[in-house]
Structure formats: C-alpha cells, structure tokens
Amino acid sequence: MRMIFVNLPVKRIEATRAFFAALGFSFNPDFSDDKTACMIIEENIFAMLMEEDRFRDFINNDISDATKAQEVLIALSAGSREEVDGILAKAISAGGKPWKPIQDLGFMYGCSFQDIDGHVWEVVHMDMPQQ
C-alpha cells in the first residue's frame, strides 16, 4: 500500500487546524502535536501541516512565501458540483480567499481557494464516462 504525505508550512498550527476542521477534515492525533497536525484527506492521503520552525527541520533551503509565489497546487476530487461549491463556501467562511474563478467545462467543474497560509487548493468534480 502506497501513501501520500503532502508537507506544508503554516504560521499558526491551531488556526490552521481550525480552518481545515471547518472544511470537514479530521486529524490523526498519533502524528500530531503542538507544532504539527496530520490532516486526513483519504485513507492513504495526508497533509502534514507544520509550523514553520518545525518545517525547517525537513528542508535545506528557504520556505516559500505562499502569499507571494506558488510552491504547489493541491488538487482534490469531489463527488459532485454541489460538493465543490460547498467546500469553497466553507473555505471562504473559515477565512480562506478565492483564488481563480469557478471553472465549468461541462465534464469538469472546479474551484480554487487559498487557505489561511496562502497555499492554493483546487477542488474538482469530473463527470467520468461509465466504462
């Protein structure tokens, strides 16, 4: 079984935890502490949210300022257009910022927002043809 861990620096772990909890995410307490939150995205997919001083333990260079330059785009799938809209509304309500306009290509519908640390998250629903 392969797992994915996306590691992101954050300013204040408690504020970041509250932001993502408002979007409906939960956290694994076994891999969380006062500087780190292990956010569960799916069974084998996690975001390791780390305060910047803890994040520095894992890197050799500077931390990118996500409010000024994009270091990564994180894209998550959604089960419906309504789920896309709901996640965007929760993100904005919790302090996030819209990033790009809603994209509607018919078969694909998505939104994007910046979290409270400036990281860009995309949420996309795709109508996949039945095989």
N, C-alpha and C. Protein backbone atom coordinates (compact mmCIF):
# COMPACT_ATOMS: atom_id res chain seq x y z
N MET A 1 0.85 -1.18 0.00
CA MET A 1 0.00 0.00 0.00
C MET A 1 0.89 1.24 0.00
N ARG A 2 0.66 2.13 -0.94
CA ARG A 2 1.39 3.37 -1.03
C ARG A 2 0.58 4.47 -0.37
N MET A 3 1.28 5.38 0.32
CA MET A 3 0.63 6.51 0.98
C MET A 3 1.23 7.80 0.45
N ILE A 4 0.48 8.89 0.54
CA ILE A 4 0.96 10.20 0.14
C ILE A 4 0.88 11.13 1.33
N PHE A 5 2.00 11.83 1.58
CA PHE A 5 2.06 12.85 2.62
C PHE A 5 2.48 14.16 1.95
N VAL A 6 1.61 15.15 1.96
CA VAL A 6 1.93 16.48 1.46
C VAL A 6 2.32 17.31 2.68
N ASN A 7 3.54 17.83 2.70
CA ASN A 7 4.04 18.59 3.84
C ASN A 7 3.95 20.08 3.53
N LEU A 8 3.27 20.83 4.40
CA LEU A 8 3.08 22.26 4.18
C LEU A 8 3.45 23.07 5.42
N PRO A 9 4.19 24.16 5.22
CA PRO A 9 4.49 25.04 6.36
C PRO A 9 3.29 25.94 6.65
N VAL A 10 3.07 26.21 7.93
CA VAL A 10 1.97 27.08 8.35
C VAL A 10 2.48 28.05 9.41
N LYS A 11 1.78 29.15 9.57
CA LYS A 11 2.18 30.16 10.57
C LYS A 11 1.78 29.74 11.98
N ARG A 12 0.49 29.36 12.15
CA ARG A 12 -0.03 29.01 13.48
C ARG A 12 -0.84 27.72 13.37
N ILE A 13 -0.36 26.66 13.97
CA ILE A 13 -0.98 25.35 13.79
C ILE A 13 -2.42 25.30 14.28
N GLU A 14 -2.73 25.96 15.38
CA GLU A 14 -4.11 25.91 15.89
C GLU A 14 -5.08 26.61 14.94
N ALA A 15 -4.67 27.74 14.37
CA ALA A 15 -5.54 28.44 13.41
C ALA A 15 -5.71 27.60 12.15
N THR A 16 -4.64 26.96 11.70
CA THR A 16 -4.71 26.11 10.51
C THR A 16 -5.59 24.89 10.78
N ARG A 17 -5.45 24.29 11.93
CA ARG A 17 -6.29 23.14 12.31
C ARG A 17 -7.76 23.55 12.31
N ALA A 18 -8.08 24.70 12.88
CA ALA A 18 -9.47 25.19 12.93
C ALA A 18 -10.00 25.44 11.52
N PHE A 19 -9.17 26.01 10.64
CA PHE A 19 -9.58 26.27 9.26
C PHE A 19 -9.99 24.98 8.57
N PHE A 20 -9.12 23.96 8.61
CA PHE A 20 -9.42 22.72 7.90
C PHE A 20 -10.50 21.90 8.59
N ALA A 21 -10.63 22.00 9.89
CA ALA A 21 -11.74 21.34 10.58
C ALA A 21 -13.07 21.93 10.11
N ALA A 22 -13.09 23.25 9.86
CA ALA A 22 -14.31 23.90 9.36
C ALA A 22 -14.68 23.41 7.97
N LEU A 23 -13.70 22.89 7.22
CA LEU A 23 -13.97 22.32 5.90
C LEU A 23 -14.38 20.85 5.99
N GLY A 24 -14.35 20.29 7.19
CA GLY A 24 -14.79 18.92 7.39
C GLY A 24 -13.68 17.89 7.51
N PHE A 25 -12.43 18.32 7.53
CA PHE A 25 -11.32 17.38 7.64
C PHE A 25 -11.10 17.00 9.11
N SER A 26 -10.56 15.81 9.31
CA SER A 26 -10.20 15.37 10.67
C SER A 26 -8.69 15.18 10.71
N PHE A 27 -8.19 14.89 11.91
CA PHE A 27 -6.75 14.82 12.13
C PHE A 27 -6.39 13.54 12.88
N ASN A 28 -5.22 13.00 12.56
CA ASN A 28 -4.72 11.82 13.24
C ASN A 28 -3.90 12.27 14.44
N PRO A 29 -4.40 12.06 15.65
CA PRO A 29 -3.69 12.53 16.84
C PRO A 29 -2.35 11.83 17.06
N ASP A 30 -2.17 10.62 16.51
CA ASP A 30 -0.91 9.89 16.68
C ASP A 30 0.25 10.58 15.98
N PHE A 31 -0.04 11.40 14.98
CA PHE A 31 1.01 12.08 14.22
C PHE A 31 0.84 13.59 14.29
N SER A 32 0.23 14.07 15.35
CA SER A 32 0.01 15.49 15.57
C SER A 32 0.55 15.88 16.94
N ASP A 33 1.01 17.11 17.04
CA ASP A 33 1.45 17.63 18.34
C ASP A 33 1.23 19.14 18.36
N ASP A 34 1.93 19.85 19.21
CA ASP A 34 1.69 21.29 19.34
C ASP A 34 2.26 22.10 18.17
N LYS A 35 3.01 21.47 17.26
CA LYS A 35 3.56 22.16 16.10
C LYS A 35 3.18 21.52 14.78
N THR A 36 2.51 20.37 14.84
CA THR A 36 2.20 19.59 13.64
C THR A 36 0.77 19.04 13.73
N ALA A 37 0.06 19.07 12.60
CA ALA A 37 -1.25 18.44 12.52
C ALA A 37 -1.26 17.53 11.29
N CYS A 38 -1.58 16.28 11.51
CA CYS A 38 -1.68 15.31 10.42
C CYS A 38 -3.14 15.28 9.96
N MET A 39 -3.43 16.00 8.88
CA MET A 39 -4.79 16.09 8.36
C MET A 39 -5.07 14.90 7.45
N ILE A 40 -6.18 14.24 7.71
CA ILE A 40 -6.57 13.07 6.92
C ILE A 40 -7.38 13.55 5.73
N ILE A 41 -6.87 13.29 4.52
CA ILE A 41 -7.59 13.64 3.30
C ILE A 41 -8.38 12.42 2.82
N GLU A 42 -7.75 11.28 2.80
CA GLU A 42 -8.36 9.99 2.48
C GLU A 42 -7.60 8.94 3.27
N GLU A 43 -7.98 7.69 3.12
CA GLU A 43 -7.37 6.62 3.91
C GLU A 43 -5.85 6.60 3.83
N ASN A 44 -5.29 6.88 2.66
CA ASN A 44 -3.84 6.82 2.47
C ASN A 44 -3.25 8.16 2.03
N ILE A 45 -3.99 9.24 2.22
CA ILE A 45 -3.51 10.55 1.78
C ILE A 45 -3.63 11.53 2.96
N PHE A 46 -2.52 12.18 3.27
CA PHE A 46 -2.46 13.08 4.42
C PHE A 46 -1.76 14.38 4.06
N ALA A 47 -2.13 15.44 4.74
CA ALA A 47 -1.37 16.69 4.68
C ALA A 47 -0.74 16.89 6.05
N MET A 48 0.57 16.95 6.07
CA MET A 48 1.29 17.23 7.31
C MET A 48 1.47 18.74 7.38
N LEU A 49 0.69 19.36 8.24
CA LEU A 49 0.69 20.80 8.41
C LEU A 49 1.64 21.11 9.57
N MET A 50 2.72 21.83 9.28
CA MET A 50 3.76 22.05 10.29
C MET A 50 4.06 23.53 10.45
N GLU A 51 4.14 23.96 11.70
CA GLU A 51 4.58 25.34 11.93
C GLU A 51 5.96 25.50 11.31
N GLU A 52 6.24 26.72 10.84
CA GLU A 52 7.44 26.94 10.05
C GLU A 52 8.72 26.47 10.73
N ASP A 53 8.88 26.69 12.04
CA ASP A 53 10.12 26.25 12.69
C ASP A 53 10.27 24.73 12.65
N ARG A 54 9.16 24.00 12.73
CA ARG A 54 9.20 22.53 12.61
C ARG A 54 9.45 22.12 11.16
N PHE A 55 8.83 22.80 10.21
CA PHE A 55 9.00 22.51 8.78
C PHE A 55 10.48 22.66 8.39
N ARG A 56 11.16 23.64 8.97
CA ARG A 56 12.58 23.86 8.64
C ARG A 56 13.45 22.65 8.95
N ASP A 57 13.01 21.80 9.88
CA ASP A 57 13.76 20.59 10.19
C ASP A 57 13.84 19.63 9.01
N PHE A 58 12.96 19.80 8.01
CA PHE A 58 12.86 18.87 6.88
C PHE A 58 13.41 19.43 5.57
N ILE A 59 13.86 20.67 5.57
CA ILE A 59 14.29 21.28 4.31
C ILE A 59 15.72 21.82 4.42
N ASN A 60 16.32 22.08 3.25
CA ASN A 60 17.67 22.63 3.19
C ASN A 60 17.71 24.08 2.74
N ASN A 61 16.59 24.61 2.30
CA ASN A 61 16.58 25.97 1.78
C ASN A 61 15.47 26.78 2.45
N ASP A 62 15.13 27.91 1.87
CA ASP A 62 14.13 28.79 2.46
C ASP A 62 12.71 28.27 2.26
N ILE A 63 11.84 28.69 3.14
CA ILE A 63 10.41 28.40 2.99
C ILE A 63 9.82 29.41 2.01
N SER A 64 9.09 28.91 1.05
CA SER A 64 8.44 29.77 0.08
C SER A 64 7.30 30.53 0.74
N ASP A 65 7.16 31.81 0.42
CA ASP A 65 6.03 32.60 0.91
C ASP A 65 4.86 32.36 -0.03
N ALA A 66 3.94 31.52 0.39
CA ALA A 66 2.82 31.12 -0.46
C ALA A 66 1.87 32.27 -0.78
N THR A 67 1.98 33.39 -0.06
CA THR A 67 1.13 34.55 -0.38
C THR A 67 1.72 35.36 -1.53
N LYS A 68 2.98 35.10 -1.91
CA LYS A 68 3.65 35.85 -2.97
C LYS A 68 4.01 35.01 -4.19
N ALA A 69 4.19 33.71 -4.01
CA ALA A 69 4.56 32.82 -5.11
C ALA A 69 3.97 31.44 -4.83
N GLN A 70 3.64 30.71 -5.88
CA GLN A 70 3.06 29.38 -5.70
C GLN A 70 4.15 28.35 -5.66
N GLU A 71 4.18 27.58 -4.59
CA GLU A 71 5.13 26.49 -4.48
C GLU A 71 4.50 25.18 -4.89
N VAL A 72 3.16 25.12 -4.85
CA VAL A 72 2.45 23.89 -5.18
C VAL A 72 0.97 24.21 -5.37
N LEU A 73 0.29 23.43 -6.19
CA LEU A 73 -1.18 23.45 -6.27
C LEU A 73 -1.64 22.09 -5.77
N ILE A 74 -2.53 22.10 -4.81
CA ILE A 74 -3.04 20.85 -4.26
C ILE A 74 -4.45 20.66 -4.79
N ALA A 75 -4.68 19.58 -5.52
CA ALA A 75 -5.98 19.34 -6.14
C ALA A 75 -6.64 18.12 -5.51
N LEU A 76 -7.89 18.30 -5.11
CA LEU A 76 -8.68 17.22 -4.53
C LEU A 76 -9.92 16.99 -5.39
N SER A 77 -10.34 15.75 -5.49
CA SER A 77 -11.56 15.45 -6.23
C SER A 77 -12.77 15.63 -5.31
N ALA A 78 -13.90 15.86 -5.93
CA ALA A 78 -15.17 15.98 -5.21
C ALA A 78 -16.20 15.09 -5.90
N GLY A 79 -17.18 14.64 -5.13
CA GLY A 79 -18.19 13.73 -5.66
C GLY A 79 -19.27 14.39 -6.50
N SER A 80 -19.39 15.72 -6.41
CA SER A 80 -20.43 16.43 -7.16
C SER A 80 -20.08 17.91 -7.27
N ARG A 81 -20.81 18.60 -8.14
CA ARG A 81 -20.66 20.05 -8.26
C ARG A 81 -21.06 20.73 -6.94
N GLU A 82 -22.08 20.19 -6.31
CA GLU A 82 -22.54 20.75 -5.05
C GLU A 82 -21.47 20.64 -3.96
N GLU A 83 -20.74 19.54 -3.98
CA GLU A 83 -19.66 19.38 -3.01
C GLU A 83 -18.55 20.40 -3.28
N VAL A 84 -18.23 20.65 -4.54
CA VAL A 84 -17.24 21.68 -4.89
C VAL A 84 -17.67 23.02 -4.32
N ASP A 85 -18.92 23.41 -4.61
CA ASP A 85 -19.43 24.70 -4.13
C ASP A 85 -19.46 24.76 -2.61
N GLY A 86 -19.81 23.66 -1.97
CA GLY A 86 -19.87 23.62 -0.51
C GLY A 86 -18.51 23.78 0.14
N ILE A 87 -17.50 23.12 -0.41
CA ILE A 87 -16.15 23.24 0.14
C ILE A 87 -15.63 24.66 -0.04
N LEU A 88 -15.89 25.25 -1.21
CA LEU A 88 -15.46 26.64 -1.43
C LEU A 88 -16.14 27.57 -0.44
N ALA A 89 -17.42 27.41 -0.23
CA ALA A 89 -18.15 28.27 0.71
C ALA A 89 -17.60 28.12 2.13
N LYS A 90 -17.31 26.89 2.54
CA LYS A 90 -16.74 26.67 3.87
C LYS A 90 -15.36 27.29 3.98
N ALA A 91 -14.54 27.17 2.93
CA ALA A 91 -13.19 27.74 2.95
C ALA A 91 -13.24 29.25 3.11
N ILE A 92 -14.12 29.91 2.36
CA ILE A 92 -14.23 31.37 2.43
C ILE A 92 -14.77 31.78 3.81
N SER A 93 -15.75 31.05 4.29
CA SER A 93 -16.33 31.35 5.60
C SER A 93 -15.31 31.19 6.74
N ALA A 94 -14.37 30.26 6.56
CA ALA A 94 -13.36 29.98 7.60
C ALA A 94 -12.13 30.89 7.49
N GLY A 95 -12.13 31.82 6.53
CA GLY A 95 -11.01 32.76 6.42
C GLY A 95 -10.14 32.60 5.20
N GLY A 96 -10.46 31.63 4.34
CA GLY A 96 -9.71 31.46 3.10
C GLY A 96 -10.10 32.54 2.09
N LYS A 97 -9.36 32.58 0.97
CA LYS A 97 -9.63 33.58 -0.07
C LYS A 97 -9.86 32.87 -1.40
N PRO A 98 -10.82 33.37 -2.20
CA PRO A 98 -10.98 32.80 -3.54
C PRO A 98 -9.67 32.99 -4.32
N TRP A 99 -9.35 32.05 -5.20
CA TRP A 99 -8.11 32.19 -5.95
C TRP A 99 -8.40 32.47 -7.41
N LYS A 100 -8.95 31.53 -8.13
CA LYS A 100 -9.37 31.74 -9.53
C LYS A 100 -10.87 31.55 -9.63
N PRO A 101 -11.48 32.08 -10.67
CA PRO A 101 -12.94 31.90 -10.82
C PRO A 101 -13.30 30.42 -10.99
N ILE A 102 -14.55 30.11 -10.67
CA ILE A 102 -15.07 28.76 -10.90
C ILE A 102 -14.81 28.39 -12.36
N GLN A 103 -14.39 27.16 -12.58
CA GLN A 103 -14.15 26.67 -13.93
C GLN A 103 -15.21 25.62 -14.24
N ASP A 104 -15.97 25.86 -15.31
CA ASP A 104 -17.02 24.92 -15.72
C ASP A 104 -16.78 24.54 -17.17
N LEU A 105 -16.27 23.33 -17.39
CA LEU A 105 -16.00 22.83 -18.74
C LEU A 105 -17.03 21.78 -19.15
N GLY A 106 -18.14 21.74 -18.44
CA GLY A 106 -19.17 20.74 -18.72
C GLY A 106 -18.85 19.43 -18.02
N PHE A 107 -17.87 18.70 -18.52
CA PHE A 107 -17.48 17.42 -17.92
C PHE A 107 -16.65 17.61 -16.64
N MET A 108 -16.10 18.83 -16.47
CA MET A 108 -15.27 19.11 -15.30
C MET A 108 -15.68 20.45 -14.70
N TYR A 109 -15.84 20.46 -13.39
CA TYR A 109 -16.28 21.65 -12.66
C TYR A 109 -15.39 21.79 -11.44
N GLY A 110 -14.81 22.98 -11.27
CA GLY A 110 -13.92 23.12 -10.13
C GLY A 110 -13.78 24.53 -9.62
N CYS A 111 -13.22 24.61 -8.43
CA CYS A 111 -12.95 25.90 -7.79
C CYS A 111 -11.54 25.87 -7.23
N SER A 112 -11.08 27.02 -6.78
CA SER A 112 -9.79 27.08 -6.09
C SER A 112 -9.85 28.17 -5.04
N PHE A 113 -9.09 27.95 -3.98
CA PHE A 113 -9.01 28.94 -2.90
C PHE A 113 -7.64 28.87 -2.25
N GLN A 114 -7.29 29.95 -1.57
CA GLN A 114 -6.08 29.96 -0.76
C GLN A 114 -6.49 29.73 0.69
N ASP A 115 -5.76 28.84 1.37
CA ASP A 115 -6.02 28.66 2.80
C ASP A 115 -5.44 29.84 3.57
N ILE A 116 -5.51 29.83 4.88
CA ILE A 116 -5.10 30.99 5.66
C ILE A 116 -3.59 31.23 5.62
N ASP A 117 -2.81 30.26 5.10
CA ASP A 117 -1.38 30.43 4.94
C ASP A 117 -0.98 30.72 3.50
N GLY A 118 -1.98 30.83 2.60
CA GLY A 118 -1.71 31.17 1.21
C GLY A 118 -1.55 29.99 0.27
N HIS A 119 -1.60 28.75 0.78
CA HIS A 119 -1.49 27.57 -0.09
C HIS A 119 -2.76 27.47 -0.95
N VAL A 120 -2.58 27.11 -2.21
CA VAL A 120 -3.71 27.01 -3.13
C VAL A 120 -4.23 25.58 -3.17
N TRP A 121 -5.54 25.46 -2.95
CA TRP A 121 -6.25 24.19 -3.01
C TRP A 121 -7.27 24.27 -4.14
N GLU A 122 -7.28 23.27 -5.00
CA GLU A 122 -8.30 23.15 -6.04
C GLU A 122 -9.21 21.98 -5.67
N VAL A 123 -10.51 22.14 -5.93
CA VAL A 123 -11.47 21.08 -5.70
C VAL A 123 -12.21 20.88 -7.02
N VAL A 124 -12.19 19.65 -7.54
CA VAL A 124 -12.70 19.40 -8.89
C VAL A 124 -13.63 18.20 -8.91
N HIS A 125 -14.76 18.38 -9.60
CA HIS A 125 -15.65 17.25 -9.87
C HIS A 125 -15.57 16.96 -11.36
N MET A 126 -15.34 15.68 -11.72
CA MET A 126 -15.29 15.28 -13.12
C MET A 126 -16.37 14.25 -13.39
N ASP A 127 -17.17 14.50 -14.43
CA ASP A 127 -18.15 13.53 -14.87
C ASP A 127 -17.42 12.54 -15.78
N MET A 128 -17.00 11.45 -15.21
CA MET A 128 -16.25 10.45 -15.97
C MET A 128 -17.21 9.54 -16.72
N PRO A 129 -16.93 9.26 -17.98
CA PRO A 129 -17.80 8.33 -18.72
C PRO A 129 -17.78 6.95 -18.07
N GLN A 130 -18.93 6.31 -18.05
CA GLN A 130 -19.04 4.95 -17.50
C GLN A 130 -18.36 3.98 -18.44
N GLN A 131 -17.58 3.09 -17.90
CA GLN A 131 -16.85 2.10 -18.73
C GLN A 131 -17.56 0.78 -18.73
